Amino acid sequence: MELAEPTGFTQAAPDRRPLMPEPPPVRLLAVEDVRLPAATGLEKRLDVFYVDLLEFEREPAAETGVVIYKAENARLRFDVVETQPPRQDYRSVVVEVQSLADAELKLIEQELEYERMRGVTPGEESLFVRDPAGHCISIVERRELM
């Protein structure tokens, strides 16, 4: 038995549409962009925390005095001020990551203090840490709905 040579097949034309970049692998649990104050001089430490540790993307700011980090669904905006105003509340910013274990290893590598918190439902865990600006950050693992 011999196979016949294929006929009529042509090479597909290259796709000329622009590629859409993949979104960052991190989400904010927020309805809209989150805006927080940060003292002057913390920009590099904020970059290490949010870009290297939590995998946000740094966006160029359209205005001076603002540092913007992009998540999959929203942005985290820091207004850079000379002196940080007193805190109005102590609610934490909730950040969803793909792997809580990986985030914990990065916290250990960077020698950052954190606290592991257990939730009220079975299997619910989070990491509670303060960012370089002193804001409370709760890191949770993303759970996909089936």
C-alpha atoms as a PDB file:
ATOM      1  CA  MET A   1       0.000   0.000   0.000  1.00  0.00           C
ATOM      2  CA  GLU A   2       1.409   3.359  -1.015  1.00  0.00           C
ATOM      3  CA  LEU A   3       0.332   6.784   0.102  1.00  0.00           C
ATOM      4  CA  ALA A   4      -0.534   9.277  -2.570  1.00  0.00           C
ATOM      5  CA  GLU A   5       1.226  12.617  -2.580  1.00  0.00           C
ATOM      6  CA  PRO A   6      -1.030  15.327  -1.177  1.00  0.00           C
ATOM      7  CA  THR A   7      -2.223  17.875  -3.702  1.00  0.00           C
ATOM      8  CA  GLY A   8      -3.962  21.158  -3.330  1.00  0.00           C
ATOM      9  CA  PHE A   9      -2.428  22.088   0.020  1.00  0.00           C
ATOM     10  CA  THR A  10      -1.069  25.606   0.245  1.00  0.00           C
ATOM     11  CA  GLN A  11       0.970  27.323   2.903  1.00  0.00           C
ATOM     12  CA  ALA A  12      -1.174  29.441   5.202  1.00  0.00           C
ATOM     13  CA  ALA A  13      -0.616  33.158   4.869  1.00  0.00           C
ATOM     14  CA  PRO A  14       1.043  34.787   7.874  1.00  0.00           C
ATOM     15  CA  ASP A  15      -1.342  36.464  10.295  1.00  0.00           C
ATOM     16  CA  ARG A  16      -0.849  40.212   9.919  1.00  0.00           C
ATOM     17  CA  ARG A  17      -3.016  41.210  12.868  1.00  0.00           C
ATOM     18  CA  PRO A  18      -1.124  42.813  15.764  1.00  0.00           C
ATOM     19  CA  LEU A  19      -0.434  40.505  18.676  1.00  0.00           C
ATOM     20  CA  MET A  20      -2.289  41.235  21.880  1.00  0.00           C
ATOM     21  CA  PRO A  21       0.070  40.996  24.869  1.00  0.00           C
ATOM     22  CA  GLU A  22      -0.783  38.578  27.664  1.00  0.00           C
ATOM     23  CA  PRO A  23      -2.175  40.255  30.783  1.00  0.00           C
ATOM     24  CA  PRO A  24      -0.149  40.149  34.012  1.00  0.00           C
ATOM     25  CA  PRO A  25      -0.667  36.967  36.079  1.00  0.00           C
ATOM     26  CA  VAL A  26      -1.994  38.940  39.051  1.00  0.00           C
ATOM     27  CA  ARG A  27      -5.414  40.426  39.870  1.00  0.00           C
ATOM     28  CA  LEU A  28      -6.667  43.046  42.281  1.00  0.00           C
ATOM     29  CA  LEU A  29      -9.870  42.292  44.159  1.00  0.00           C
ATOM     30  CA  ALA A  30     -11.320  45.705  43.423  1.00  0.00           C
ATOM     31  CA  VAL A  31     -14.144  47.188  41.395  1.00  0.00           C
ATOM     32  CA  GLU A  32     -11.977  49.955  39.959  1.00  0.00           C
ATOM     33  CA  ASP A  33      -8.417  51.242  40.129  1.00  0.00           C
ATOM     34  CA  VAL A  34      -6.977  51.476  43.639  1.00  0.00           C
ATOM     35  CA  ARG A  35      -5.343  54.781  44.598  1.00  0.00           C
ATOM     36  CA  LEU A  36      -2.923  55.012  47.547  1.00  0.00           C
ATOM     37  CA  PRO A  37      -0.364  57.550  48.790  1.00  0.00           C
ATOM     38  CA  ALA A  38       3.377  56.811  48.950  1.00  0.00           C
ATOM     39  CA  ALA A  39       6.239  58.912  50.307  1.00  0.00           C
ATOM     40  CA  THR A  40       8.880  60.274  47.948  1.00  0.00           C
ATOM     41  CA  GLY A  41      11.915  58.022  47.499  1.00  0.00           C
ATOM     42  CA  LEU A  42      10.080  54.690  47.711  1.00  0.00           C
ATOM     43  CA  GLU A  43       9.690  54.161  43.959  1.00  0.00           C
ATOM     44  CA  LYS A  44      12.497  51.587  43.582  1.00  0.00           C
ATOM     45  CA  ARG A  45      11.373  49.618  46.640  1.00  0.00           C
ATOM     46  CA  LEU A  46       7.791  49.672  45.346  1.00  0.00           C
ATOM     47  CA  ASP A  47       9.042  48.335  41.986  1.00  0.00           C
ATOM     48  CA  VAL A  48      10.834  45.445  43.686  1.00  0.00           C
ATOM     49  CA  PHE A  49       7.752  44.620  45.757  1.00  0.00           C
ATOM     50  CA  TYR A  50       5.064  44.935  43.097  1.00  0.00           C
ATOM     51  CA  VAL A  51       6.922  44.006  39.889  1.00  0.00           C
ATOM     52  CA  ASP A  52       9.451  41.414  41.098  1.00  0.00           C
ATOM     53  CA  LEU A  53       7.474  39.858  43.950  1.00  0.00           C
ATOM     54  CA  LEU A  54       3.828  40.111  42.890  1.00  0.00           C
ATOM     55  CA  GLU A  55       4.357  40.266  39.093  1.00  0.00           C
ATOM     56  CA  PHE A  56       2.481  43.487  38.337  1.00  0.00           C
ATOM     57  CA  GLU A  57       3.526  45.435  35.229  1.00  0.00           C
ATOM     58  CA  ARG A  58       4.857  48.958  35.703  1.00  0.00           C
ATOM     59  CA  GLU A  59       3.116  51.458  33.450  1.00  0.00           C
ATOM     60  CA  PRO A  60       4.464  54.839  32.458  1.00  0.00           C
ATOM     61  CA  ALA A  61       2.492  57.548  34.199  1.00  0.00           C
ATOM     62  CA  ALA A  62       0.849  60.278  32.151  1.00  0.00           C
ATOM     63  CA  GLU A  63       1.312  62.716  35.015  1.00  0.00           C
ATOM     64  CA  THR A  64       4.277  63.360  37.285  1.00  0.00           C
ATOM     65  CA  GLY A  65       4.157  62.207  40.883  1.00  0.00           C
ATOM     66  CA  VAL A  66       2.214  59.025  40.094  1.00  0.00           C
ATOM     67  CA  VAL A  67       3.481  55.430  40.000  1.00  0.00           C
ATOM     68  CA  ILE A  68       1.156  52.933  38.276  1.00  0.00           C
ATOM     69  CA  TYR A  69       1.176  49.138  38.461  1.00  0.00           C
ATOM     70  CA  LYS A  70      -1.073  47.173  36.116  1.00  0.00           C
ATOM     71  CA  ALA A  71      -2.844  43.968  37.120  1.00  0.00           C
ATOM     72  CA  GLU A  72      -5.043  41.836  34.887  1.00  0.00           C
ATOM     73  CA  ASN A  73      -8.238  43.653  35.812  1.00  0.00           C
ATOM     74  CA  ALA A  74      -7.303  47.021  37.372  1.00  0.00           C
ATOM     75  CA  ARG A  75      -4.442  49.351  38.215  1.00  0.00           C
ATOM     76  CA  LEU A  76      -2.755  50.196  41.490  1.00  0.00           C
ATOM     77  CA  ARG A  77      -1.895  53.913  41.498  1.00  0.00           C
ATOM     78  CA  PHE A  78       0.432  55.527  44.002  1.00  0.00           C
ATOM     79  CA  ASP A  79       0.347  59.284  44.453  1.00  0.00           C
ATOM     80  CA  VAL A  80       3.920  60.212  45.425  1.00  0.00           C
ATOM     81  CA  VAL A  81       3.827  62.888  48.139  1.00  0.00           C
ATOM     82  CA  GLU A  82       6.475  64.515  50.318  1.00  0.00           C
ATOM     83  CA  THR A  83       5.007  63.284  53.595  1.00  0.00           C
ATOM     84  CA  GLN A  84       2.545  60.470  53.796  1.00  0.00           C
ATOM     85  CA  PRO A  85      -0.794  61.616  55.250  1.00  0.00           C
ATOM     86  CA  PRO A  86      -2.229  59.834  58.309  1.00  0.00           C
ATOM     87  CA  ARG A  87      -4.145  56.692  57.447  1.00  0.00           C
ATOM     88  CA  GLN A  88      -7.921  56.933  57.310  1.00  0.00           C
ATOM     89  CA  ASP A  89      -8.448  53.172  57.617  1.00  0.00           C
ATOM     90  CA  TYR A  90      -6.530  49.922  57.772  1.00  0.00           C
ATOM     91  CA  ARG A  91      -8.324  47.912  55.098  1.00  0.00           C
ATOM     92  CA  SER A  92      -5.952  45.781  53.099  1.00  0.00           C
ATOM     93  CA  VAL A  93      -5.550  45.651  49.339  1.00  0.00           C
ATOM     94  CA  VAL A  94      -6.319  42.078  48.241  1.00  0.00           C
ATOM     95  CA  VAL A  95      -4.069  40.708  45.488  1.00  0.00           C
ATOM     96  CA  GLU A  96      -4.756  37.382  43.752  1.00  0.00           C
ATOM     97  CA  VAL A  97      -1.668  35.459  42.589  1.00  0.00           C
ATOM     98  CA  GLN A  98      -1.436  32.195  40.686  1.00  0.00           C
ATOM     99  CA  SER A  99       0.479  30.379  43.436  1.00  0.00           C
ATOM    100  CA  LEU A 100       0.478  31.297  47.107  1.00  0.00           C
ATOM    101  CA  ALA A 101       3.441  28.968  47.722  1.00  0.00           C
ATOM    102  CA  ASP A 102       5.541  30.784  45.087  1.00  0.00           C
ATOM    103  CA  ALA A 103       4.623  34.163  46.575  1.00  0.00           C
ATOM    104  CA  GLU A 104       5.625  32.907  50.034  1.00  0.00           C
ATOM    105  CA  LEU A 105       9.012  31.718  48.713  1.00  0.00           C
ATOM    106  CA  LYS A 106       9.628  35.149  47.184  1.00  0.00           C
ATOM    107  CA  LEU A 107       8.754  36.817  50.494  1.00  0.00           C
ATOM    108  CA  ILE A 108      11.251  34.546  52.267  1.00  0.00           C
ATOM    109  CA  GLU A 109      13.956  35.241  49.645  1.00  0.00           C
ATOM    110  CA  GLN A 110      13.476  39.006  50.021  1.00  0.00           C
ATOM    111  CA  GLU A 111      13.459  38.589  53.826  1.00  0.00           C
ATOM    112  CA  LEU A 112      10.136  40.408  54.211  1.00  0.00           C
ATOM    113  CA  GLU A 113       8.032  39.895  57.314  1.00  0.00           C
ATOM    114  CA  TYR A 114       4.643  38.380  56.643  1.00  0.00           C
ATOM    115  CA  GLU A 115       1.933  36.482  58.449  1.00  0.00           C
ATOM    116  CA  ARG A 116       0.074  33.428  57.165  1.00  0.00           C
ATOM    117  CA  MET A 117      -3.642  33.774  57.828  1.00  0.00           C
ATOM    118  CA  ARG A 118      -6.281  31.040  57.732  1.00  0.00           C
ATOM    119  CA  GLY A 119      -9.825  31.864  56.686  1.00  0.00           C
ATOM    120  CA  VAL A 120     -13.135  30.700  58.092  1.00  0.00           C
ATOM    121  CA  THR A 121     -13.767  28.231  55.269  1.00  0.00           C
ATOM    122  CA  PRO A 122     -11.613  25.109  54.784  1.00  0.00           C
ATOM    123  CA  GLY A 123      -8.586  25.669  52.574  1.00  0.00           C
ATOM    124  CA  GLU A 124      -8.832  29.453  52.640  1.00  0.00           C
ATOM    125  CA  GLU A 125      -5.375  30.903  53.294  1.00  0.00           C
ATOM    126  CA  SER A 126      -3.693  34.232  52.688  1.00  0.00           C
ATOM    127  CA  LEU A 127      -0.420  35.999  53.332  1.00  0.00           C
ATOM    128  CA  PHE A 128      -0.571  39.338  55.101  1.00  0.00           C
ATOM    129  CA  VAL A 129       2.329  41.718  54.413  1.00  0.00           C
ATOM    130  CA  ARG A 130       3.048  45.444  54.372  1.00  0.00           C
ATOM    131  CA  ASP A 131       4.382  47.049  51.211  1.00  0.00           C
ATOM    132  CA  PRO A 132       7.287  49.546  51.341  1.00  0.00           C
ATOM    133  CA  ALA A 133       4.802  52.429  51.722  1.00  0.00           C
ATOM    134  CA  GLY A 134       3.279  50.736  54.790  1.00  0.00           C
ATOM    135  CA  HIS A 135      -0.001  49.658  53.195  1.00  0.00           C
ATOM    136  CA  CYS A 136      -1.565  46.341  54.223  1.00  0.00           C
ATOM    137  CA  ILE A 137      -1.526  43.782  51.412  1.00  0.00           C
ATOM    138  CA  SER A 138      -3.405  40.490  51.597  1.00  0.00           C
ATOM    139  CA  ILE A 139      -2.129  37.924  49.076  1.00  0.00           C
ATOM    140  CA  VAL A 140      -4.521  35.132  48.160  1.00  0.00           C
ATOM    141  CA  GLU A 141      -4.325  32.325  45.633  1.00  0.00           C
ATOM    142  CA  ARG A 142      -6.520  32.520  42.555  1.00  0.00           C
ATOM    143  CA  ARG A 143      -9.244  29.908  42.516  1.00  0.00           C
ATOM    144  CA  GLU A 144     -10.819  29.199  39.163  1.00  0.00           C
ATOM    145  CA  LEU A 145     -14.526  28.455  39.035  1.00  0.00           C
ATOM    146  CA  MET A 146     -15.401  25.171  37.411  1.00  0.00           C
END
